[in-house]
Amino acid sequence: GLIEGGSRGWTSPVILGSFAAAQV
């Protein structure tokens, strides 16, 4: 999420999903 967030967009579903998965 931290590396790809800049290119994919910090609010994109993939990045938000990666942060949620990391938390879980």
mmCIF file of all heavy atoms, coordinates in Angstrom:
data_MODEL
# 
_entry.id   MODEL 
# 
loop_
_atom_site.group_PDB 
_atom_site.id 
_atom_site.type_symbol 
_atom_site.label_atom_id 
_atom_site.label_alt_id 
_atom_site.label_comp_id 
_atom_site.label_asym_id 
_atom_site.label_entity_id 
_atom_site.label_seq_id 
_atom_site.pdbx_PDB_ins_code 
_atom_site.Cartn_x 
_atom_site.Cartn_y 
_atom_site.Cartn_z 
_atom_site.occupancy 
_atom_site.B_iso_or_equiv 
_atom_site.pdbx_formal_charge 
_atom_site.auth_seq_id 
_atom_site.auth_comp_id 
_atom_site.auth_asym_id 
_atom_site.auth_atom_id 
_atom_site.pdbx_PDB_model_num 
ATOM 1   N N   . GLY A 1 1  ? 0.813   -1.212 0.000  1.00 0.00 ? 1  GLY A N   1 
ATOM 2   C CA  . GLY A 1 1  ? 0.000   0.000  0.000  1.00 0.00 ? 1  GLY A CA  1 
ATOM 3   C C   . GLY A 1 1  ? 0.845   1.259  0.000  1.00 0.00 ? 1  GLY A C   1 
ATOM 4   O O   . GLY A 1 1  ? 0.549   2.226  -0.712 1.00 0.00 ? 1  GLY A O   1 
ATOM 5   N N   . LEU A 1 2  ? 1.930   1.260  0.782  1.00 0.00 ? 2  LEU A N   1 
ATOM 6   C CA  . LEU A 1 2  ? 2.775   2.443  0.866  1.00 0.00 ? 2  LEU A CA  1 
ATOM 7   C C   . LEU A 1 2  ? 3.543   2.703  -0.426 1.00 0.00 ? 2  LEU A C   1 
ATOM 8   O O   . LEU A 1 2  ? 3.707   3.845  -0.850 1.00 0.00 ? 2  LEU A O   1 
ATOM 9   C CB  . LEU A 1 2  ? 3.760   2.286  2.033  1.00 0.00 ? 2  LEU A CB  1 
ATOM 10  C CG  . LEU A 1 2  ? 3.153   2.324  3.440  1.00 0.00 ? 2  LEU A CG  1 
ATOM 11  C CD1 . LEU A 1 2  ? 4.197   1.945  4.481  1.00 0.00 ? 2  LEU A CD1 1 
ATOM 12  C CD2 . LEU A 1 2  ? 2.584   3.712  3.742  1.00 0.00 ? 2  LEU A CD2 1 
ATOM 13  N N   . ILE A 1 3  ? 4.031   1.639  -1.070 1.00 0.00 ? 3  ILE A N   1 
ATOM 14  C CA  . ILE A 1 3  ? 4.809   1.814  -2.291 1.00 0.00 ? 3  ILE A CA  1 
ATOM 15  C C   . ILE A 1 3  ? 3.921   2.125  -3.491 1.00 0.00 ? 3  ILE A C   1 
ATOM 16  O O   . ILE A 1 3  ? 4.217   3.010  -4.298 1.00 0.00 ? 3  ILE A O   1 
ATOM 17  C CB  . ILE A 1 3  ? 5.668   0.554  -2.572 1.00 0.00 ? 3  ILE A CB  1 
ATOM 18  C CG1 . ILE A 1 3  ? 6.774   0.432  -1.512 1.00 0.00 ? 3  ILE A CG1 1 
ATOM 19  C CG2 . ILE A 1 3  ? 6.287   0.612  -3.970 1.00 0.00 ? 3  ILE A CG2 1 
ATOM 20  C CD1 . ILE A 1 3  ? 7.662   -0.782 -1.690 1.00 0.00 ? 3  ILE A CD1 1 
ATOM 21  N N   . GLU A 1 4  ? 2.815   1.409  -3.621 1.00 0.00 ? 4  GLU A N   1 
ATOM 22  C CA  . GLU A 1 4  ? 1.967   1.564  -4.806 1.00 0.00 ? 4  GLU A CA  1 
ATOM 23  C C   . GLU A 1 4  ? 0.951   2.696  -4.678 1.00 0.00 ? 4  GLU A C   1 
ATOM 24  O O   . GLU A 1 4  ? 0.341   3.087  -5.671 1.00 0.00 ? 4  GLU A O   1 
ATOM 25  C CB  . GLU A 1 4  ? 1.221   0.253  -5.076 1.00 0.00 ? 4  GLU A CB  1 
ATOM 26  C CG  . GLU A 1 4  ? 2.121   -0.924 -5.411 1.00 0.00 ? 4  GLU A CG  1 
ATOM 27  C CD  . GLU A 1 4  ? 2.790   -0.767 -6.769 1.00 0.00 ? 4  GLU A CD  1 
ATOM 28  O OE1 . GLU A 1 4  ? 2.252   -0.023 -7.613 1.00 0.00 ? 4  GLU A OE1 1 
ATOM 29  O OE2 . GLU A 1 4  ? 3.845   -1.393 -6.981 1.00 0.00 ? 4  GLU A OE2 1 
ATOM 30  N N   . GLY A 1 5  ? 0.777   3.221  -3.462 1.00 0.00 ? 5  GLY A N   1 
ATOM 31  C CA  . GLY A 1 5  ? -0.232  4.260  -3.271 1.00 0.00 ? 5  GLY A CA  1 
ATOM 32  C C   . GLY A 1 5  ? 0.008   5.495  -4.104 1.00 0.00 ? 5  GLY A C   1 
ATOM 33  O O   . GLY A 1 5  ? -0.928  6.131  -4.608 1.00 0.00 ? 5  GLY A O   1 
ATOM 34  N N   . GLY A 1 6  ? 1.293   5.853  -4.300 1.00 0.00 ? 6  GLY A N   1 
ATOM 35  C CA  . GLY A 1 6  ? 1.591   7.046  -5.065 1.00 0.00 ? 6  GLY A CA  1 
ATOM 36  C C   . GLY A 1 6  ? 1.210   6.946  -6.525 1.00 0.00 ? 6  GLY A C   1 
ATOM 37  O O   . GLY A 1 6  ? 0.798   7.927  -7.145 1.00 0.00 ? 6  GLY A O   1 
ATOM 38  N N   . SER A 1 7  ? 1.336   5.750  -7.105 1.00 0.00 ? 7  SER A N   1 
ATOM 39  C CA  . SER A 1 7  ? 1.036   5.588  -8.530 1.00 0.00 ? 7  SER A CA  1 
ATOM 40  C C   . SER A 1 7  ? -0.421  5.201  -8.775 1.00 0.00 ? 7  SER A C   1 
ATOM 41  O O   . SER A 1 7  ? -1.022  5.616  -9.767 1.00 0.00 ? 7  SER A O   1 
ATOM 42  C CB  . SER A 1 7  ? 1.963   4.521  -9.136 1.00 0.00 ? 7  SER A CB  1 
ATOM 43  O OG  . SER A 1 7  ? 1.809   3.275  -8.474 1.00 0.00 ? 7  SER A OG  1 
ATOM 44  N N   . ARG A 1 8  ? -1.000  4.416  -7.897 1.00 0.00 ? 8  ARG A N   1 
ATOM 45  C CA  . ARG A 1 8  ? -2.377  3.954  -8.084 1.00 0.00 ? 8  ARG A CA  1 
ATOM 46  C C   . ARG A 1 8  ? -3.414  4.908  -7.496 1.00 0.00 ? 8  ARG A C   1 
ATOM 47  O O   . ARG A 1 8  ? -4.596  4.823  -7.834 1.00 0.00 ? 8  ARG A O   1 
ATOM 48  C CB  . ARG A 1 8  ? -2.558  2.562  -7.471 1.00 0.00 ? 8  ARG A CB  1 
ATOM 49  C CG  . ARG A 1 8  ? -1.746  1.473  -8.152 1.00 0.00 ? 8  ARG A CG  1 
ATOM 50  C CD  . ARG A 1 8  ? -1.952  0.138  -7.458 1.00 0.00 ? 8  ARG A CD  1 
ATOM 51  N NE  . ARG A 1 8  ? -1.215  -0.935 -8.099 1.00 0.00 ? 8  ARG A NE  1 
ATOM 52  C CZ  . ARG A 1 8  ? -1.693  -1.702 -9.070 1.00 0.00 ? 8  ARG A CZ  1 
ATOM 53  N NH1 . ARG A 1 8  ? -2.931  -1.504 -9.510 1.00 0.00 ? 8  ARG A NH1 1 
ATOM 54  N NH2 . ARG A 1 8  ? -0.955  -2.653 -9.603 1.00 0.00 ? 8  ARG A NH2 1 
ATOM 55  N N   . GLY A 1 9  ? -2.977  5.786  -6.599 1.00 0.00 ? 9  GLY A N   1 
ATOM 56  C CA  . GLY A 1 9  ? -3.916  6.675  -5.926 1.00 0.00 ? 9  GLY A CA  1 
ATOM 57  C C   . GLY A 1 9  ? -4.212  6.164  -4.531 1.00 0.00 ? 9  GLY A C   1 
ATOM 58  O O   . GLY A 1 9  ? -4.560  4.985  -4.352 1.00 0.00 ? 9  GLY A O   1 
ATOM 59  N N   . TRP A 1 10 ? -4.087  7.060  -3.545 1.00 0.00 ? 10 TRP A N   1 
ATOM 60  C CA  . TRP A 1 10 ? -4.230  6.636  -2.149 1.00 0.00 ? 10 TRP A CA  1 
ATOM 61  C C   . TRP A 1 10 ? -5.651  6.219  -1.793 1.00 0.00 ? 10 TRP A C   1 
ATOM 62  O O   . TRP A 1 10 ? -5.855  5.516  -0.797 1.00 0.00 ? 10 TRP A O   1 
ATOM 63  C CB  . TRP A 1 10 ? -3.772  7.753  -1.223 1.00 0.00 ? 10 TRP A CB  1 
ATOM 64  C CG  . TRP A 1 10 ? -2.311  8.045  -1.355 1.00 0.00 ? 10 TRP A CG  1 
ATOM 65  C CD1 . TRP A 1 10 ? -1.734  9.099  -2.005 1.00 0.00 ? 10 TRP A CD1 1 
ATOM 66  C CD2 . TRP A 1 10 ? -1.228  7.249  -0.853 1.00 0.00 ? 10 TRP A CD2 1 
ATOM 67  N NE1 . TRP A 1 10 ? -0.354  9.017  -1.936 1.00 0.00 ? 10 TRP A NE1 1 
ATOM 68  C CE2 . TRP A 1 10 ? -0.021  7.895  -1.224 1.00 0.00 ? 10 TRP A CE2 1 
ATOM 69  C CE3 . TRP A 1 10 ? -1.146  6.062  -0.122 1.00 0.00 ? 10 TRP A CE3 1 
ATOM 70  C CZ2 . TRP A 1 10 ? 1.236   7.390  -0.905 1.00 0.00 ? 10 TRP A CZ2 1 
ATOM 71  C CZ3 . TRP A 1 10 ? 0.096   5.558  0.207  1.00 0.00 ? 10 TRP A CZ3 1 
ATOM 72  C CH2 . TRP A 1 10 ? 1.268   6.215  -0.178 1.00 0.00 ? 10 TRP A CH2 1 
ATOM 73  N N   . THR A 1 11 ? -6.605  6.610  -2.576 1.00 0.00 ? 11 THR A N   1 
ATOM 74  C CA  . THR A 1 11 ? -7.994  6.237  -2.296 1.00 0.00 ? 11 THR A CA  1 
ATOM 75  C C   . THR A 1 11 ? -8.507  5.159  -3.233 1.00 0.00 ? 11 THR A C   1 
ATOM 76  O O   . THR A 1 11 ? -9.706  4.864  -3.216 1.00 0.00 ? 11 THR A O   1 
ATOM 77  C CB  . THR A 1 11 ? -8.904  7.476  -2.401 1.00 0.00 ? 11 THR A CB  1 
ATOM 78  O OG1 . THR A 1 11 ? -8.789  8.046  -3.716 1.00 0.00 ? 11 THR A OG1 1 
ATOM 79  C CG2 . THR A 1 11 ? -8.521  8.518  -1.363 1.00 0.00 ? 11 THR A CG2 1 
ATOM 80  N N   . SER A 1 12 ? -7.622  4.572  -4.039 1.00 0.00 ? 12 SER A N   1 
ATOM 81  C CA  . SER A 1 12 ? -8.071  3.514  -4.947 1.00 0.00 ? 12 SER A CA  1 
ATOM 82  C C   . SER A 1 12 ? -8.460  2.273  -4.150 1.00 0.00 ? 12 SER A C   1 
ATOM 83  O O   . SER A 1 12 ? -7.913  2.020  -3.062 1.00 0.00 ? 12 SER A O   1 
ATOM 84  C CB  . SER A 1 12 ? -6.973  3.168  -5.949 1.00 0.00 ? 12 SER A CB  1 
ATOM 85  O OG  . SER A 1 12 ? -5.869  2.577  -5.281 1.00 0.00 ? 12 SER A OG  1 
ATOM 86  N N   . PRO A 1 13 ? -9.389  1.462  -4.651 1.00 0.00 ? 13 PRO A N   1 
ATOM 87  C CA  . PRO A 1 13 ? -9.825  0.264  -3.911 1.00 0.00 ? 13 PRO A CA  1 
ATOM 88  C C   . PRO A 1 13 ? -8.686  -0.692 -3.577 1.00 0.00 ? 13 PRO A C   1 
ATOM 89  O O   . PRO A 1 13 ? -8.674  -1.297 -2.495 1.00 0.00 ? 13 PRO A O   1 
ATOM 90  C CB  . PRO A 1 13 ? -10.839 -0.372 -4.867 1.00 0.00 ? 13 PRO A CB  1 
ATOM 91  C CG  . PRO A 1 13 ? -11.338 0.757  -5.708 1.00 0.00 ? 13 PRO A CG  1 
ATOM 92  C CD  . PRO A 1 13 ? -10.172 1.677  -5.881 1.00 0.00 ? 13 PRO A CD  1 
ATOM 93  N N   . VAL A 1 14 ? -7.731  -0.827 -4.511 1.00 0.00 ? 14 VAL A N   1 
ATOM 94  C CA  . VAL A 1 14 ? -6.622  -1.756 -4.270 1.00 0.00 ? 14 VAL A CA  1 
ATOM 95  C C   . VAL A 1 14 ? -5.783  -1.300 -3.082 1.00 0.00 ? 14 VAL A C   1 
ATOM 96  O O   . VAL A 1 14 ? -5.401  -2.112 -2.217 1.00 0.00 ? 14 VAL A O   1 
ATOM 97  C CB  . VAL A 1 14 ? -5.748  -1.878 -5.533 1.00 0.00 ? 14 VAL A CB  1 
ATOM 98  C CG1 . VAL A 1 14 ? -4.506  -2.715 -5.238 1.00 0.00 ? 14 VAL A CG1 1 
ATOM 99  C CG2 . VAL A 1 14 ? -6.536  -2.500 -6.668 1.00 0.00 ? 14 VAL A CG2 1 
ATOM 100 N N   . ILE A 1 15 ? -5.478  -0.009 -3.019 1.00 0.00 ? 15 ILE A N   1 
ATOM 101 C CA  . ILE A 1 15 ? -4.633  0.509  -1.933 1.00 0.00 ? 15 ILE A CA  1 
ATOM 102 C C   . ILE A 1 15 ? -5.378  0.476  -0.600 1.00 0.00 ? 15 ILE A C   1 
ATOM 103 O O   . ILE A 1 15 ? -4.834  0.050  0.422  1.00 0.00 ? 15 ILE A O   1 
ATOM 104 C CB  . ILE A 1 15 ? -4.165  1.930  -2.265 1.00 0.00 ? 15 ILE A CB  1 
ATOM 105 C CG1 . ILE A 1 15 ? -3.341  1.923  -3.552 1.00 0.00 ? 15 ILE A CG1 1 
ATOM 106 C CG2 . ILE A 1 15 ? -3.354  2.497  -1.119 1.00 0.00 ? 15 ILE A CG2 1 
ATOM 107 C CD1 . ILE A 1 15 ? -2.164  0.986  -3.536 1.00 0.00 ? 15 ILE A CD1 1 
ATOM 108 N N   . LEU A 1 16 ? -6.629  0.910  -0.609 1.00 0.00 ? 16 LEU A N   1 
ATOM 109 C CA  . LEU A 1 16 ? -7.418  0.848  0.623  1.00 0.00 ? 16 LEU A CA  1 
ATOM 110 C C   . LEU A 1 16 ? -7.573  -0.595 1.092  1.00 0.00 ? 16 LEU A C   1 
ATOM 111 O O   . LEU A 1 16 ? -7.523  -0.880 2.298  1.00 0.00 ? 16 LEU A O   1 
ATOM 112 C CB  . LEU A 1 16 ? -8.792  1.491  0.396  1.00 0.00 ? 16 LEU A CB  1 
ATOM 113 C CG  . LEU A 1 16 ? -8.801  3.007  0.135  1.00 0.00 ? 16 LEU A CG  1 
ATOM 114 C CD1 . LEU A 1 16 ? -10.221 3.485  -0.141 1.00 0.00 ? 16 LEU A CD1 1 
ATOM 115 C CD2 . LEU A 1 16 ? -8.214  3.756  1.337  1.00 0.00 ? 16 LEU A CD2 1 
ATOM 116 N N   . GLY A 1 17 ? -7.754  -1.503 0.125  1.00 0.00 ? 17 GLY A N   1 
ATOM 117 C CA  . GLY A 1 17 ? -7.865  -2.920 0.473  1.00 0.00 ? 17 GLY A CA  1 
ATOM 118 C C   . GLY A 1 17 ? -6.580  -3.466 1.065  1.00 0.00 ? 17 GLY A C   1 
ATOM 119 O O   . GLY A 1 17 ? -6.618  -4.281 2.004  1.00 0.00 ? 17 GLY A O   1 
ATOM 120 N N   . SER A 1 18 ? -5.431  -3.022 0.543  1.00 0.00 ? 18 SER A N   1 
ATOM 121 C CA  . SER A 1 18 ? -4.160  -3.505 1.082  1.00 0.00 ? 18 SER A CA  1 
ATOM 122 C C   . SER A 1 18 ? -3.947  -3.019 2.509  1.00 0.00 ? 18 SER A C   1 
ATOM 123 O O   . SER A 1 18 ? -3.468  -3.764 3.373  1.00 0.00 ? 18 SER A O   1 
ATOM 124 C CB  . SER A 1 18 ? -3.000  -3.045 0.195  1.00 0.00 ? 18 SER A CB  1 
ATOM 125 O OG  . SER A 1 18 ? -2.816  -1.654 0.264  1.00 0.00 ? 18 SER A OG  1 
ATOM 126 N N   . PHE A 1 19 ? -4.318  -1.770 2.785  1.00 0.00 ? 19 PHE A N   1 
ATOM 127 C CA  . PHE A 1 19 ? -4.189  -1.257 4.156  1.00 0.00 ? 19 PHE A CA  1 
ATOM 128 C C   . PHE A 1 19 ? -5.139  -1.987 5.105  1.00 0.00 ? 19 PHE A C   1 
ATOM 129 O O   . PHE A 1 19 ? -4.786  -2.293 6.252  1.00 0.00 ? 19 PHE A O   1 
ATOM 130 C CB  . PHE A 1 19 ? -4.461  0.238  4.188  1.00 0.00 ? 19 PHE A CB  1 
ATOM 131 C CG  . PHE A 1 19 ? -3.347  1.070  3.621  1.00 0.00 ? 19 PHE A CG  1 
ATOM 132 C CD1 . PHE A 1 19 ? -3.617  2.141  2.781  1.00 0.00 ? 19 PHE A CD1 1 
ATOM 133 C CD2 . PHE A 1 19 ? -2.025  0.796  3.924  1.00 0.00 ? 19 PHE A CD2 1 
ATOM 134 C CE1 . PHE A 1 19 ? -2.586  2.918  2.259  1.00 0.00 ? 19 PHE A CE1 1 
ATOM 135 C CE2 . PHE A 1 19 ? -0.985  1.557  3.403  1.00 0.00 ? 19 PHE A CE2 1 
ATOM 136 C CZ  . PHE A 1 19 ? -1.280  2.617  2.574  1.00 0.00 ? 19 PHE A CZ  1 
ATOM 137 N N   . ALA A 1 20 ? -6.361  -2.267 4.640  1.00 0.00 ? 20 ALA A N   1 
ATOM 138 C CA  . ALA A 1 20 ? -7.321  -3.002 5.466  1.00 0.00 ? 20 ALA A CA  1 
ATOM 139 C C   . ALA A 1 20 ? -6.823  -4.422 5.734  1.00 0.00 ? 20 ALA A C   1 
ATOM 140 O O   . ALA A 1 20 ? -6.919  -4.935 6.860  1.00 0.00 ? 20 ALA A O   1 
ATOM 141 C CB  . ALA A 1 20 ? -8.686  -3.032 4.782  1.00 0.00 ? 20 ALA A CB  1 
ATOM 142 N N   . ALA A 1 21 ? -6.285  -5.061 4.688  1.00 0.00 ? 21 ALA A N   1 
ATOM 143 C CA  . ALA A 1 21 ? -5.756  -6.421 4.857  1.00 0.00 ? 21 ALA A CA  1 
ATOM 144 C C   . ALA A 1 21 ? -4.588  -6.427 5.834  1.00 0.00 ? 21 ALA A C   1 
ATOM 145 O O   . ALA A 1 21 ? -4.462  -7.333 6.667  1.00 0.00 ? 21 ALA A O   1 
ATOM 146 C CB  . ALA A 1 21 ? -5.323  -6.973 3.499  1.00 0.00 ? 21 ALA A CB  1 
ATOM 147 N N   . ALA A 1 22 ? -3.719  -5.406 5.729  1.00 0.00 ? 22 ALA A N   1 
ATOM 148 C CA  . ALA A 1 22 ? -2.583  -5.326 6.648  1.00 0.00 ? 22 ALA A CA  1 
ATOM 149 C C   . ALA A 1 22 ? -3.057  -5.209 8.088  1.00 0.00 ? 22 ALA A C   1 
ATOM 150 O O   . ALA A 1 22 ? -2.521  -5.864 8.994  1.00 0.00 ? 22 ALA A O   1 
ATOM 151 C CB  . ALA A 1 22 ? -1.708  -4.132 6.280  1.00 0.00 ? 22 ALA A CB  1 
ATOM 152 N N   . GLN A 1 23 ? -4.085  -4.404 8.302  1.00 0.00 ? 23 GLN A N   1 
ATOM 153 C CA  . GLN A 1 23 ? -4.611  -4.228 9.656  1.00 0.00 ? 23 GLN A CA  1 
ATOM 154 C C   . GLN A 1 23 ? -5.166  -5.530 10.207 1.00 0.00 ? 23 GLN A C   1 
ATOM 155 O O   . GLN A 1 23 ? -4.901  -5.902 11.363 1.00 0.00 ? 23 GLN A O   1 
ATOM 156 C CB  . GLN A 1 23 ? -5.693  -3.145 9.643  1.00 0.00 ? 23 GLN A CB  1 
ATOM 157 C CG  . GLN A 1 23 ? -6.188  -2.749 11.010 1.00 0.00 ? 23 GLN A CG  1 
ATOM 158 C CD  . GLN A 1 23 ? -7.158  -1.571 10.958 1.00 0.00 ? 23 GLN A CD  1 
ATOM 159 O OE1 . GLN A 1 23 ? -7.615  -1.186 9.892  1.00 0.00 ? 23 GLN A OE1 1 
ATOM 160 N NE2 . GLN A 1 23 ? -7.470  -1.006 12.106 1.00 0.00 ? 23 GLN A NE2 1 
ATOM 161 N N   . VAL A 1 24 ? -5.924  -6.253 9.389  1.00 0.00 ? 24 VAL A N   1 
ATOM 162 C CA  . VAL A 1 24 ? -6.512  -7.515 9.829  1.00 0.00 ? 24 VAL A CA  1 
ATOM 163 C C   . VAL A 1 24 ? -5.429  -8.557 10.083 1.00 0.00 ? 24 VAL A C   1 
ATOM 164 O O   . VAL A 1 24 ? -5.443  -9.265 11.105 1.00 0.00 ? 24 VAL A O   1 
ATOM 165 C CB  . VAL A 1 24 ? -7.517  -8.021 8.776  1.00 0.00 ? 24 VAL A CB  1 
ATOM 166 C CG1 . VAL A 1 24 ? -7.988  -9.434 9.114  1.00 0.00 ? 24 VAL A CG1 1 
ATOM 167 C CG2 . VAL A 1 24 ? -8.713  -7.079 8.671  1.00 0.00 ? 24 VAL A CG2 1 
# 
